[in-house]
Amino acid sequence: MKFNSDTKKEPDAEAIGQRLREVRTSAGLTQVEFAEKLGVERQSVLRCEAGKRLPDAVMLLSLRQEFGTNLGWLLDGEDAEECNQIDTSAIATDLEMLKDARSYLERVIANLEKGKG
């Protein structure tokens, strides 16, 4: 998802509800079965699909874990490939930063062990 501090876009609950229904129906599940898999009440699924409320964090995490749902697509309708490219790029950058930090900390620990602290 792309966030711009200058642009505040309200989530489109109806569109999110339609995409949520698409996830459920593509899995061949009823609302009750879907709710059970997500660990939420059926009413939560019903309200979200009807566009009366937005999915909460529990539902979003469960959608990603249970169904592999791309949350950028679910919440914004973004192209899944575009979201994955953004995620992959961010993950690669974070990984490089963590490797650099680890290397630095290993040098600091080695120097402390040698008494050069």
PDB file of N, CA and C in Angstrom:
ATOM      1  N   MET A   1       0.831  -1.169   0.000  1.00  0.00           N
ATOM      2  CA  MET A   1       0.000   0.000   0.000  1.00  0.00           C
ATOM      3  C   MET A   1       0.879   1.238   0.000  1.00  0.00           C
ATOM      4  N   LYS A   2       0.458   2.233  -0.699  1.00  0.00           N
ATOM      5  CA  LYS A   2       1.201   3.474  -0.759  1.00  0.00           C
ATOM      6  C   LYS A   2       0.519   4.493   0.135  1.00  0.00           C
ATOM      7  N   PHE A   3       1.276   5.052   1.063  1.00  0.00           N
ATOM      8  CA  PHE A   3       0.726   6.048   1.954  1.00  0.00           C
ATOM      9  C   PHE A   3       1.367   7.387   1.650  1.00  0.00           C
ATOM     10  N   ASN A   4       0.551   8.386   1.598  1.00  0.00           N
ATOM     11  CA  ASN A   4       1.031   9.732   1.358  1.00  0.00           C
ATOM     12  C   ASN A   4       0.424  10.607   2.434  1.00  0.00           C
ATOM     13  N   SER A   5       1.268  11.270   3.209  1.00  0.00           N
ATOM     14  CA  SER A   5       0.763  12.061   4.324  1.00  0.00           C
ATOM     15  C   SER A   5      -0.097  13.225   3.857  1.00  0.00           C
ATOM     16  N   ASP A   6       0.053  13.641   2.600  1.00  0.00           N
ATOM     17  CA  ASP A   6      -0.746  14.748   2.082  1.00  0.00           C
ATOM     18  C   ASP A   6      -2.146  14.303   1.691  1.00  0.00           C
ATOM     19  N   THR A   7      -2.314  13.034   1.431  1.00  0.00           N
ATOM     20  CA  THR A   7      -3.592  12.519   0.960  1.00  0.00           C
ATOM     21  C   THR A   7      -4.177  11.582   1.992  1.00  0.00           C
ATOM     22  N   LYS A   8      -5.326  11.961   2.526  1.00  0.00           N
ATOM     23  CA  LYS A   8      -5.999  11.083   3.481  1.00  0.00           C
ATOM     24  C   LYS A   8      -7.182  10.465   2.778  1.00  0.00           C
ATOM     25  N   LYS A   9      -7.086   9.207   2.513  1.00  0.00           N
ATOM     26  CA  LYS A   9      -8.117   8.495   1.783  1.00  0.00           C
ATOM     27  C   LYS A   9      -8.864   7.593   2.752  1.00  0.00           C
ATOM     28  N   GLU A  10     -10.152   7.779   2.827  1.00  0.00           N
ATOM     29  CA  GLU A  10     -10.979   6.929   3.677  1.00  0.00           C
ATOM     30  C   GLU A  10     -11.088   5.550   3.044  1.00  0.00           C
ATOM     31  N   PRO A  11     -11.007   4.503   3.854  1.00  0.00           N
ATOM     32  CA  PRO A  11     -11.171   3.159   3.301  1.00  0.00           C
ATOM     33  C   PRO A  11     -12.580   2.988   2.735  1.00  0.00           C
ATOM     34  N   ASP A  12     -12.681   2.293   1.641  1.00  0.00           N
ATOM     35  CA  ASP A  12     -13.969   2.023   1.005  1.00  0.00           C
ATOM     36  C   ASP A  12     -14.487   0.690   1.540  1.00  0.00           C
ATOM     37  N   ALA A  13     -15.321   0.773   2.587  1.00  0.00           N
ATOM     38  CA  ALA A  13     -15.807  -0.431   3.270  1.00  0.00           C
ATOM     39  C   ALA A  13     -16.574  -1.350   2.328  1.00  0.00           C
ATOM     40  N   GLU A  14     -17.333  -0.783   1.416  1.00  0.00           N
ATOM     41  CA  GLU A  14     -18.102  -1.626   0.484  1.00  0.00           C
ATOM     42  C   GLU A  14     -17.186  -2.400  -0.451  1.00  0.00           C
ATOM     43  N   ALA A  15     -16.165  -1.728  -0.985  1.00  0.00           N
ATOM     44  CA  ALA A  15     -15.230  -2.405  -1.888  1.00  0.00           C
ATOM     45  C   ALA A  15     -14.439  -3.470  -1.134  1.00  0.00           C
ATOM     46  N   ILE A  16     -14.033  -3.168   0.097  1.00  0.00           N
ATOM     47  CA  ILE A  16     -13.321  -4.147   0.913  1.00  0.00           C
ATOM     48  C   ILE A  16     -14.226  -5.341   1.174  1.00  0.00           C
ATOM     49  N   GLY A  17     -15.491  -5.074   1.457  1.00  0.00           N
ATOM     50  CA  GLY A  17     -16.461  -6.146   1.683  1.00  0.00           C
ATOM     51  C   GLY A  17     -16.610  -7.044   0.473  1.00  0.00           C
ATOM     52  N   GLN A  18     -16.628  -6.448  -0.721  1.00  0.00           N
ATOM     53  CA  GLN A  18     -16.738  -7.247  -1.946  1.00  0.00           C
ATOM     54  C   GLN A  18     -15.511  -8.132  -2.129  1.00  0.00           C
ATOM     55  N   ARG A  19     -14.326  -7.572  -1.856  1.00  0.00           N
ATOM     56  CA  ARG A  19     -13.101  -8.370  -1.997  1.00  0.00           C
ATOM     57  C   ARG A  19     -13.045  -9.469  -0.930  1.00  0.00           C
ATOM     58  N   LEU A  20     -13.523  -9.161   0.272  1.00  0.00           N
ATOM     59  CA  LEU A  20     -13.581 -10.163   1.332  1.00  0.00           C
ATOM     60  C   LEU A  20     -14.505 -11.316   0.926  1.00  0.00           C
ATOM     61  N   ARG A  21     -15.655 -10.975   0.349  1.00  0.00           N
ATOM     62  CA  ARG A  21     -16.597 -11.994  -0.134  1.00  0.00           C
ATOM     63  C   ARG A  21     -15.940 -12.824  -1.221  1.00  0.00           C
ATOM     64  N   GLU A  22     -15.144 -12.185  -2.065  1.00  0.00           N
ATOM     65  CA  GLU A  22     -14.447 -12.905  -3.130  1.00  0.00           C
ATOM     66  C   GLU A  22     -13.471 -13.934  -2.548  1.00  0.00           C
ATOM     67  N   VAL A  23     -12.767 -13.550  -1.489  1.00  0.00           N
ATOM     68  CA  VAL A  23     -11.852 -14.489  -0.827  1.00  0.00           C
ATOM     69  C   VAL A  23     -12.638 -15.683  -0.288  1.00  0.00           C
ATOM     70  N   ARG A  24     -13.742 -15.382   0.389  1.00  0.00           N
ATOM     71  CA  ARG A  24     -14.557 -16.444   0.995  1.00  0.00           C
ATOM     72  C   ARG A  24     -15.132 -17.386  -0.062  1.00  0.00           C
ATOM     73  N   THR A  25     -15.736 -16.820  -1.105  1.00  0.00           N
ATOM     74  CA  THR A  25     -16.380 -17.665  -2.113  1.00  0.00           C
ATOM     75  C   THR A  25     -15.358 -18.452  -2.934  1.00  0.00           C
ATOM     76  N   SER A  26     -14.192 -17.865  -3.159  1.00  0.00           N
ATOM     77  CA  SER A  26     -13.173 -18.615  -3.908  1.00  0.00           C
ATOM     78  C   SER A  26     -12.660 -19.794  -3.090  1.00  0.00           C
ATOM     79  N   ALA A  27     -12.787 -19.696  -1.766  1.00  0.00           N
ATOM     80  CA  ALA A  27     -12.409 -20.825  -0.903  1.00  0.00           C
ATOM     81  C   ALA A  27     -13.569 -21.813  -0.751  1.00  0.00           C
ATOM     82  N   GLY A  28     -14.742 -21.455  -1.298  1.00  0.00           N
ATOM     83  CA  GLY A  28     -15.898 -22.337  -1.241  1.00  0.00           C
ATOM     84  C   GLY A  28     -16.491 -22.474   0.153  1.00  0.00           C
ATOM     85  N   LEU A  29     -16.413 -21.395   0.941  1.00  0.00           N
ATOM     86  CA  LEU A  29     -16.872 -21.457   2.324  1.00  0.00           C
ATOM     87  C   LEU A  29     -18.131 -20.628   2.552  1.00  0.00           C
ATOM     88  N   THR A  30     -18.944 -21.075   3.491  1.00  0.00           N
ATOM     89  CA  THR A  30     -20.076 -20.271   3.945  1.00  0.00           C
ATOM     90  C   THR A  30     -19.528 -19.205   4.889  1.00  0.00           C
ATOM     91  N   GLN A  31     -20.373 -18.247   5.239  1.00  0.00           N
ATOM     92  CA  GLN A  31     -19.933 -17.225   6.192  1.00  0.00           C
ATOM     93  C   GLN A  31     -19.572 -17.843   7.537  1.00  0.00           C
ATOM     94  N   VAL A  32     -20.311 -18.850   7.944  1.00  0.00           N
ATOM     95  CA  VAL A  32     -20.035 -19.509   9.224  1.00  0.00           C
ATOM     96  C   VAL A  32     -18.667 -20.197   9.184  1.00  0.00           C
ATOM     97  N   GLU A  33     -18.413 -20.955   8.120  1.00  0.00           N
ATOM     98  CA  GLU A  33     -17.133 -21.663   7.988  1.00  0.00           C
ATOM     99  C   GLU A  33     -15.972 -20.674   7.889  1.00  0.00           C
ATOM    100  N   PHE A  34     -16.191 -19.617   7.129  1.00  0.00           N
ATOM    101  CA  PHE A  34     -15.173 -18.580   6.949  1.00  0.00           C
ATOM    102  C   PHE A  34     -14.843 -17.937   8.296  1.00  0.00           C
ATOM    103  N   ALA A  35     -15.873 -17.585   9.052  1.00  0.00           N
ATOM    104  CA  ALA A  35     -15.683 -16.966  10.364  1.00  0.00           C
ATOM    105  C   ALA A  35     -14.902 -17.891  11.295  1.00  0.00           C
ATOM    106  N   GLU A  36     -15.234 -19.181  11.266  1.00  0.00           N
ATOM    107  CA  GLU A  36     -14.530 -20.142  12.111  1.00  0.00           C
ATOM    108  C   GLU A  36     -13.051 -20.201  11.755  1.00  0.00           C
ATOM    109  N   LYS A  37     -12.757 -20.237  10.465  1.00  0.00           N
ATOM    110  CA  LYS A  37     -11.350 -20.278  10.035  1.00  0.00           C
ATOM    111  C   LYS A  37     -10.603 -19.014  10.453  1.00  0.00           C
ATOM    112  N   LEU A  38     -11.300 -17.880  10.438  1.00  0.00           N
ATOM    113  CA  LEU A  38     -10.670 -16.604  10.795  1.00  0.00           C
ATOM    114  C   LEU A  38     -10.627 -16.373  12.302  1.00  0.00           C
ATOM    115  N   GLY A  39     -11.390 -17.161  13.053  1.00  0.00           N
ATOM    116  CA  GLY A  39     -11.419 -16.981  14.498  1.00  0.00           C
ATOM    117  C   GLY A  39     -12.233 -15.773  14.928  1.00  0.00           C
ATOM    118  N   VAL A  40     -13.264 -15.449  14.137  1.00  0.00           N
ATOM    119  CA  VAL A  40     -14.132 -14.309  14.446  1.00  0.00           C
ATOM    120  C   VAL A  40     -15.586 -14.781  14.437  1.00  0.00           C
ATOM    121  N   GLU A  41     -16.471 -13.913  14.884  1.00  0.00           N
ATOM    122  CA  GLU A  41     -17.896 -14.219  14.870  1.00  0.00           C
ATOM    123  C   GLU A  41     -18.441 -14.085  13.446  1.00  0.00           C
ATOM    124  N   ARG A  42     -19.468 -14.862  13.137  1.00  0.00           N
ATOM    125  CA  ARG A  42     -20.113 -14.782  11.830  1.00  0.00           C
ATOM    126  C   ARG A  42     -20.624 -13.366  11.562  1.00  0.00           C
ATOM    127  N   GLN A  43     -21.116 -12.705  12.598  1.00  0.00           N
ATOM    128  CA  GLN A  43     -21.627 -11.336  12.445  1.00  0.00           C
ATOM    129  C   GLN A  43     -20.538 -10.385  11.941  1.00  0.00           C
ATOM    130  N   SER A  44     -19.309 -10.622  12.362  1.00  0.00           N
ATOM    131  CA  SER A  44     -18.194  -9.786  11.892  1.00  0.00           C
ATOM    132  C   SER A  44     -18.016  -9.933  10.392  1.00  0.00           C
ATOM    133  N   VAL A  45     -18.052 -11.177   9.923  1.00  0.00           N
ATOM    134  CA  VAL A  45     -17.932 -11.437   8.487  1.00  0.00           C
ATOM    135  C   VAL A  45     -19.106 -10.803   7.752  1.00  0.00           C
ATOM    136  N   LEU A  46     -20.313 -11.006   8.266  1.00  0.00           N
ATOM    137  CA  LEU A  46     -21.516 -10.458   7.658  1.00  0.00           C
ATOM    138  C   LEU A  46     -21.430  -8.940   7.524  1.00  0.00           C
ATOM    139  N   ARG A  47     -21.065  -8.265   8.592  1.00  0.00           N
ATOM    140  CA  ARG A  47     -20.970  -6.790   8.574  1.00  0.00           C
ATOM    141  C   ARG A  47     -19.878  -6.297   7.636  1.00  0.00           C
ATOM    142  N   CYS A  48     -18.743  -6.995   7.640  1.00  0.00           N
ATOM    143  CA  CYS A  48     -17.655  -6.588   6.746  1.00  0.00           C
ATOM    144  C   CYS A  48     -18.048  -6.775   5.285  1.00  0.00           C
ATOM    145  N   GLU A  49     -18.630  -7.922   4.968  1.00  0.00           N
ATOM    146  CA  GLU A  49     -19.035  -8.168   3.583  1.00  0.00           C
ATOM    147  C   GLU A  49     -20.104  -7.184   3.134  1.00  0.00           C
ATOM    148  N   ALA A  50     -20.942  -6.731   4.057  1.00  0.00           N
ATOM    149  CA  ALA A  50     -21.998  -5.776   3.730  1.00  0.00           C
ATOM    150  C   ALA A  50     -21.470  -4.339   3.660  1.00  0.00           C
ATOM    151  N   GLY A  51     -20.204  -4.138   4.000  1.00  0.00           N
ATOM    152  CA  GLY A  51     -19.620  -2.799   3.959  1.00  0.00           C
ATOM    153  C   GLY A  51     -20.026  -1.938   5.138  1.00  0.00           C
ATOM    154  N   LYS A  52     -20.491  -2.561   6.206  1.00  0.00           N
ATOM    155  CA  LYS A  52     -20.931  -1.813   7.387  1.00  0.00           C
ATOM    156  C   LYS A  52     -19.818  -1.612   8.402  1.00  0.00           C
ATOM    157  N   ARG A  53     -18.747  -2.365   8.257  1.00  0.00           N
ATOM    158  CA  ARG A  53     -17.586  -2.184   9.117  1.00  0.00           C
ATOM    159  C   ARG A  53     -16.351  -2.684   8.386  1.00  0.00           C
ATOM    160  N   LEU A  54     -15.192  -2.300   8.881  1.00  0.00           N
ATOM    161  CA  LEU A  54     -13.930  -2.729   8.293  1.00  0.00           C
ATOM    162  C   LEU A  54     -13.377  -3.913   9.079  1.00  0.00           C
ATOM    163  N   PRO A  55     -12.624  -4.772   8.419  1.00  0.00           N
ATOM    164  CA  PRO A  55     -12.000  -5.890   9.134  1.00  0.00           C
ATOM    165  C   PRO A  55     -11.049  -5.357  10.204  1.00  0.00           C
ATOM    166  N   ASP A  56     -11.032  -6.020  11.358  1.00  0.00           N
ATOM    167  CA  ASP A  56     -10.099  -5.609  12.401  1.00  0.00           C
ATOM    168  C   ASP A  56      -8.761  -6.324  12.211  1.00  0.00           C
ATOM    169  N   ALA A  57      -7.818  -6.038  13.086  1.00  0.00           N
ATOM    170  CA  ALA A  57      -6.466  -6.595  12.944  1.00  0.00           C
ATOM    171  C   ALA A  57      -6.469  -8.114  13.006  1.00  0.00           C
ATOM    172  N   VAL A  58      -7.296  -8.689  13.878  1.00  0.00           N
ATOM    173  CA  VAL A  58      -7.358 -10.153  14.002  1.00  0.00           C
ATOM    174  C   VAL A  58      -7.806 -10.763  12.684  1.00  0.00           C
ATOM    175  N   MET A  59      -8.843 -10.180  12.105  1.00  0.00           N
ATOM    176  CA  MET A  59      -9.349 -10.706  10.839  1.00  0.00           C
ATOM    177  C   MET A  59      -8.308 -10.553   9.735  1.00  0.00           C
ATOM    178  N   LEU A  60      -7.646  -9.412   9.680  1.00  0.00           N
ATOM    179  CA  LEU A  60      -6.645  -9.186   8.637  1.00  0.00           C
ATOM    180  C   LEU A  60      -5.490 -10.182   8.746  1.00  0.00           C
ATOM    181  N   LEU A  61      -4.984 -10.367   9.956  1.00  0.00           N
ATOM    182  CA  LEU A  61      -3.886 -11.323  10.137  1.00  0.00           C
ATOM    183  C   LEU A  61      -4.317 -12.739   9.781  1.00  0.00           C
ATOM    184  N   SER A  62      -5.524 -13.100  10.176  1.00  0.00           N
ATOM    185  CA  SER A  62      -6.034 -14.439   9.862  1.00  0.00           C
ATOM    186  C   SER A  62      -6.222 -14.622   8.363  1.00  0.00           C
ATOM    187  N   LEU A  63      -6.701 -13.588   7.680  1.00  0.00           N
ATOM    188  CA  LEU A  63      -6.864 -13.665   6.222  1.00  0.00           C
ATOM    189  C   LEU A  63      -5.525 -13.932   5.550  1.00  0.00           C
ATOM    190  N   ARG A  64      -4.507 -13.256   6.032  1.00  0.00           N
ATOM    191  CA  ARG A  64      -3.175 -13.435   5.443  1.00  0.00           C
ATOM    192  C   ARG A  64      -2.635 -14.833   5.743  1.00  0.00           C
ATOM    193  N   GLN A  65      -2.802 -15.282   6.989  1.00  0.00           N
ATOM    194  CA  GLN A  65      -2.259 -16.582   7.388  1.00  0.00           C
ATOM    195  C   GLN A  65      -3.052 -17.748   6.815  1.00  0.00           C
ATOM    196  N   GLU A  66      -4.355 -17.686   6.908  1.00  0.00           N
ATOM    197  CA  GLU A  66      -5.198 -18.819   6.508  1.00  0.00           C
ATOM    198  C   GLU A  66      -5.399 -18.925   5.000  1.00  0.00           C
ATOM    199  N   PHE A  67      -5.472 -17.768   4.322  1.00  0.00           N
ATOM    200  CA  PHE A  67      -5.825 -17.779   2.903  1.00  0.00           C
ATOM    201  C   PHE A  67      -4.760 -17.153   2.011  1.00  0.00           C
ATOM    202  N   GLY A  68      -3.680 -16.641   2.602  1.00  0.00           N
ATOM    203  CA  GLY A  68      -2.632 -16.004   1.818  1.00  0.00           C
ATOM    204  C   GLY A  68      -3.103 -14.730   1.138  1.00  0.00           C
ATOM    205  N   THR A  69      -4.090 -14.087   1.725  1.00  0.00           N
ATOM    206  CA  THR A  69      -4.674 -12.886   1.134  1.00  0.00           C
ATOM    207  C   THR A  69      -3.670 -11.748   1.137  1.00  0.00           C
ATOM    208  N   ASN A  70      -3.523 -11.111   0.000  1.00  0.00           N
ATOM    209  CA  ASN A  70      -2.678  -9.927  -0.107  1.00  0.00           C
ATOM    210  C   ASN A  70      -3.461  -8.765   0.497  1.00  0.00           C
ATOM    211  N   LEU A  71      -2.987  -8.233   1.614  1.00  0.00           N
ATOM    212  CA  LEU A  71      -3.736  -7.202   2.329  1.00  0.00           C
ATOM    213  C   LEU A  71      -3.767  -5.877   1.577  1.00  0.00           C
ATOM    214  N   GLY A  72      -2.761  -5.597   0.781  1.00  0.00           N
ATOM    215  CA  GLY A  72      -2.797  -4.397  -0.061  1.00  0.00           C
ATOM    216  C   GLY A  72      -3.960  -4.471  -1.036  1.00  0.00           C
ATOM    217  N   TRP A  73      -4.146  -5.638  -1.623  1.00  0.00           N
ATOM    218  CA  TRP A  73      -5.270  -5.840  -2.542  1.00  0.00           C
ATOM    219  C   TRP A  73      -6.594  -5.753  -1.793  1.00  0.00           C
ATOM    220  N   LEU A  74      -6.684  -6.421  -0.648  1.00  0.00           N
ATOM    221  CA  LEU A  74      -7.932  -6.433   0.102  1.00  0.00           C
ATOM    222  C   LEU A  74      -8.352  -5.028   0.520  1.00  0.00           C
ATOM    223  N   LEU A  75      -7.420  -4.244   1.022  1.00  0.00           N
ATOM    224  CA  LEU A  75      -7.762  -2.938   1.582  1.00  0.00           C
ATOM    225  C   LEU A  75      -7.820  -1.815   0.551  1.00  0.00           C
ATOM    226  N   ASP A  76      -7.011  -1.929  -0.493  1.00  0.00           N
ATOM    227  CA  ASP A  76      -6.925  -0.836  -1.472  1.00  0.00           C
ATOM    228  C   ASP A  76      -7.257  -1.251  -2.894  1.00  0.00           C
ATOM    229  N   GLY A  77      -7.362  -2.546  -3.134  1.00  0.00           N
ATOM    230  CA  GLY A  77      -7.606  -3.014  -4.487  1.00  0.00           C
ATOM    231  C   GLY A  77      -6.371  -2.952  -5.356  1.00  0.00           C
ATOM    232  N   GLU A  78      -5.203  -2.789  -4.721  1.00  0.00           N
ATOM    233  CA  GLU A  78      -3.956  -2.711  -5.481  1.00  0.00           C
ATOM    234  C   GLU A  78      -3.659  -4.038  -6.155  1.00  0.00           C
ATOM    235  N   ASP A  79      -2.995  -3.948  -7.271  1.00  0.00           N
ATOM    236  CA  ASP A  79      -2.549  -5.128  -7.993  1.00  0.00           C
ATOM    237  C   ASP A  79      -1.626  -5.935  -7.085  1.00  0.00           C
ATOM    238  N   ALA A  80      -1.900  -7.216  -6.938  1.00  0.00           N
ATOM    239  CA  ALA A  80      -1.126  -8.076  -6.042  1.00  0.00           C
ATOM    240  C   ALA A  80       0.350  -8.090  -6.423  1.00  0.00           C
ATOM    241  N   GLU A  81       0.649  -8.092  -7.720  1.00  0.00           N
ATOM    242  CA  GLU A  81       2.045  -8.125  -8.146  1.00  0.00           C
ATOM    243  C   GLU A  81       2.760  -6.854  -7.709  1.00  0.00           C
ATOM    244  N   GLU A  82       2.089  -5.705  -7.837  1.00  0.00           N
ATOM    245  CA  GLU A  82       2.679  -4.436  -7.418  1.00  0.00           C
ATOM    246  C   GLU A  82       2.949  -4.449  -5.923  1.00  0.00           C
ATOM    247  N   CYS A  83       2.006  -4.955  -5.131  1.00  0.00           N
ATOM    248  CA  CYS A  83       2.181  -5.030  -3.682  1.00  0.00           C
ATOM    249  C   CYS A  83       3.352  -5.920  -3.329  1.00  0.00           C
ATOM    250  N   ASN A  84       3.457  -7.055  -4.001  1.00  0.00           N
ATOM    251  CA  ASN A  84       4.542  -7.979  -3.693  1.00  0.00           C
ATOM    252  C   ASN A  84       5.894  -7.378  -4.025  1.00  0.00           C
ATOM    253  N   GLN A  85       5.974  -6.607  -5.114  1.00  0.00           N
ATOM    254  CA  GLN A  85       7.235  -5.971  -5.452  1.00  0.00           C
ATOM    255  C   GLN A  85       7.619  -4.966  -4.381  1.00  0.00           C
ATOM    256  N   ILE A  86       6.674  -4.201  -3.908  1.00  0.00           N
ATOM    257  CA  ILE A  86       6.955  -3.228  -2.857  1.00  0.00           C
ATOM    258  C   ILE A  86       7.394  -3.957  -1.601  1.00  0.00           C
ATOM    259  N   ASP A  87       6.673  -4.999  -1.216  1.00  0.00           N
ATOM    260  CA  ASP A  87       7.012  -5.748  -0.016  1.00  0.00           C
ATOM    261  C   ASP A  87       8.402  -6.374  -0.137  1.00  0.00           C
ATOM    262  N   THR A  88       8.698  -6.955  -1.282  1.00  0.00           N
ATOM    263  CA  THR A  88       9.983  -7.605  -1.487  1.00  0.00           C
ATOM    264  C   THR A  88      11.112  -6.602  -1.386  1.00  0.00           C
ATOM    265  N   SER A  89      10.950  -5.456  -1.969  1.00  0.00           N
ATOM    266  CA  SER A  89      11.961  -4.414  -1.918  1.00  0.00           C
ATOM    267  C   SER A  89      12.201  -3.962  -0.481  1.00  0.00           C
ATOM    268  N   ALA A  90      11.117  -3.741   0.261  1.00  0.00           N
ATOM    269  CA  ALA A  90      11.245  -3.299   1.652  1.00  0.00           C
ATOM    270  C   ALA A  90      11.913  -4.375   2.498  1.00  0.00           C
ATOM    271  N   ILE A  91      11.553  -5.619   2.268  1.00  0.00           N
ATOM    272  CA  ILE A  91      12.130  -6.719   3.035  1.00  0.00           C
ATOM    273  C   ILE A  91      13.624  -6.828   2.744  1.00  0.00           C
ATOM    274  N   ALA A  92      14.009  -6.698   1.479  1.00  0.00           N
ATOM    275  CA  ALA A  92      15.425  -6.781   1.115  1.00  0.00           C
ATOM    276  C   ALA A  92      16.219  -5.663   1.780  1.00  0.00           C
ATOM    277  N   THR A  93      15.657  -4.468   1.798  1.00  0.00           N
ATOM    278  CA  THR A  93      16.326  -3.330   2.436  1.00  0.00           C
ATOM    279  C   THR A  93      16.466  -3.569   3.936  1.00  0.00           C
ATOM    280  N   ASP A  94      15.392  -4.026   4.565  1.00  0.00           N
ATOM    281  CA  ASP A  94      15.431  -4.309   6.000  1.00  0.00           C
ATOM    282  C   ASP A  94      16.445  -5.395   6.309  1.00  0.00           C
ATOM    283  N   LEU A  95      16.496  -6.418   5.475  1.00  0.00           N
ATOM    284  CA  LEU A  95      17.437  -7.512   5.687  1.00  0.00           C
ATOM    285  C   LEU A  95      18.875  -7.012   5.615  1.00  0.00           C
ATOM    286  N   GLU A  96      19.173  -6.167   4.652  1.00  0.00           N
ATOM    287  CA  GLU A  96      20.523  -5.613   4.530  1.00  0.00           C
ATOM    288  C   GLU A  96      20.882  -4.780   5.751  1.00  0.00           C
ATOM    289  N   MET A  97      19.941  -3.981   6.231  1.00  0.00           N
ATOM    290  CA  MET A  97      20.192  -3.171   7.424  1.00  0.00           C
ATOM    291  C   MET A  97      20.451  -4.067   8.629  1.00  0.00           C
ATOM    292  N   LEU A  98      19.686  -5.136   8.767  1.00  0.00           N
ATOM    293  CA  LEU A  98      19.884  -6.056   9.888  1.00  0.00           C
ATOM    294  C   LEU A  98      21.242  -6.758   9.799  1.00  0.00           C
ATOM    295  N   LYS A  99      21.642  -7.132   8.592  1.00  0.00           N
ATOM    296  CA  LYS A  99      22.952  -7.763   8.426  1.00  0.00           C
ATOM    297  C   LYS A  99      24.062  -6.796   8.809  1.00  0.00           C
ATOM    298  N   ASP A 100      23.951  -5.535   8.394  1.00  0.00           N
ATOM    299  CA  ASP A 100      24.941  -4.519   8.747  1.00  0.00           C
ATOM    300  C   ASP A 100      24.996  -4.321  10.263  1.00  0.00           C
ATOM    301  N   ALA A 101      23.818  -4.250  10.882  1.00  0.00           N
ATOM    302  CA  ALA A 101      23.763  -4.071  12.333  1.00  0.00           C
ATOM    303  C   ALA A 101      24.386  -5.261  13.048  1.00  0.00           C
ATOM    304  N   ARG A 102      24.112  -6.459  12.551  1.00  0.00           N
ATOM    305  CA  ARG A 102      24.673  -7.663  13.169  1.00  0.00           C
ATOM    306  C   ARG A 102      26.194  -7.648  13.074  1.00  0.00           C
ATOM    307  N   SER A 103      26.706  -7.296  11.904  1.00  0.00           N
ATOM    308  CA  SER A 103      28.144  -7.246  11.701  1.00  0.00           C
ATOM    309  C   SER A 103      28.784  -6.237  12.659  1.00  0.00           C
ATOM    310  N   TYR A 104      28.167  -5.081  12.768  1.00  0.00           N
ATOM    311  CA  TYR A 104      28.671  -4.039  13.667  1.00  0.00           C
ATOM    312  C   TYR A 104      28.663  -4.530  15.116  1.00  0.00           C
ATOM    313  N   LEU A 105      27.547  -5.143  15.549  1.00  0.00           N
ATOM    314  CA  LEU A 105      27.450  -5.634  16.926  1.00  0.00           C
ATOM    315  C   LEU A 105      28.462  -6.738  17.193  1.00  0.00           C
ATOM    316  N   GLU A 106      28.711  -7.588  16.211  1.00  0.00           N
ATOM    317  CA  GLU A 106      29.712  -8.642  16.389  1.00  0.00           C
ATOM    318  C   GLU A 106      31.102  -8.035  16.595  1.00  0.00           C
ATOM    319  N   ARG A 107      31.418  -6.961  15.870  1.00  0.00           N
ATOM    320  CA  ARG A 107      32.715  -6.284  16.042  1.00  0.00           C
ATOM    321  C   ARG A 107      32.803  -5.641  17.424  1.00  0.00           C
ATOM    322  N   VAL A 108      31.717  -5.016  17.855  1.00  0.00           N
ATOM    323  CA  VAL A 108      31.699  -4.383  19.182  1.00  0.00           C
ATOM    324  C   VAL A 108      31.895  -5.434  20.259  1.00  0.00           C
ATOM    325  N   ILE A 109      31.209  -6.553  20.160  1.00  0.00           N
ATOM    326  CA  ILE A 109      31.332  -7.623  21.155  1.00  0.00           C
ATOM    327  C   ILE A 109      32.751  -8.176  21.159  1.00  0.00           C
ATOM    328  N   ALA A 110      33.319  -8.393  19.981  1.00  0.00           N
ATOM    329  CA  ALA A 110      34.692  -8.902  19.887  1.00  0.00           C
ATOM    330  C   ALA A 110      35.673  -7.936  20.556  1.00  0.00           C
ATOM    331  N   ASN A 111      35.510  -6.636  20.317  1.00  0.00           N
ATOM    332  CA  ASN A 111      36.380  -5.638  20.937  1.00  0.00           C
ATOM    333  C   ASN A 111      36.191  -5.609  22.455  1.00  0.00           C
ATOM    334  N   LEU A 112      34.967  -5.741  22.920  1.00  0.00           N
ATOM    335  CA  LEU A 112      34.715  -5.753  24.364  1.00  0.00           C
ATOM    336  C   LEU A 112      35.361  -6.972  25.017  1.00  0.00           C
ATOM    337  N   GLU A 113      35.274  -8.101  24.322  1.00  0.00           N
ATOM    338  CA  GLU A 113      35.886  -9.324  24.849  1.00  0.00           C
ATOM    339  C   GLU A 113      37.401  -9.208  24.912  1.00  0.00           C
ATOM    340  N   LYS A 114      37.986  -8.437  23.999  1.00  0.00           N
ATOM    341  CA  LYS A 114      39.438  -8.233  23.977  1.00  0.00           C
ATOM    342  C   LYS A 114      39.843  -7.129  24.948  1.00  0.00           C
ATOM    343  N   GLY A 115      38.890  -6.478  25.537  1.00  0.00           N
ATOM    344  CA  GLY A 115      39.208  -5.401  26.493  1.00  0.00           C
ATOM    345  C   GLY A 115      39.440  -4.063  25.825  1.00  0.00           C
ATOM    346  N   LYS A 116      38.986  -3.920  24.563  1.00  0.00           N
ATOM    347  CA  LYS A 116      39.190  -2.667  23.847  1.00  0.00           C
ATOM    348  C   LYS A 116      37.971  -1.761  23.938  1.00  0.00           C
ATOM    349  N   GLY A 117      36.953  -2.184  24.667  1.00  0.00           N
ATOM    350  CA  GLY A 117      35.674  -1.491  24.780  1.00  0.00           C
ATOM    351  C   GLY A 117      35.738  -0.064  24.710  1.00  0.00           C
TER     352      GLY A 117
END
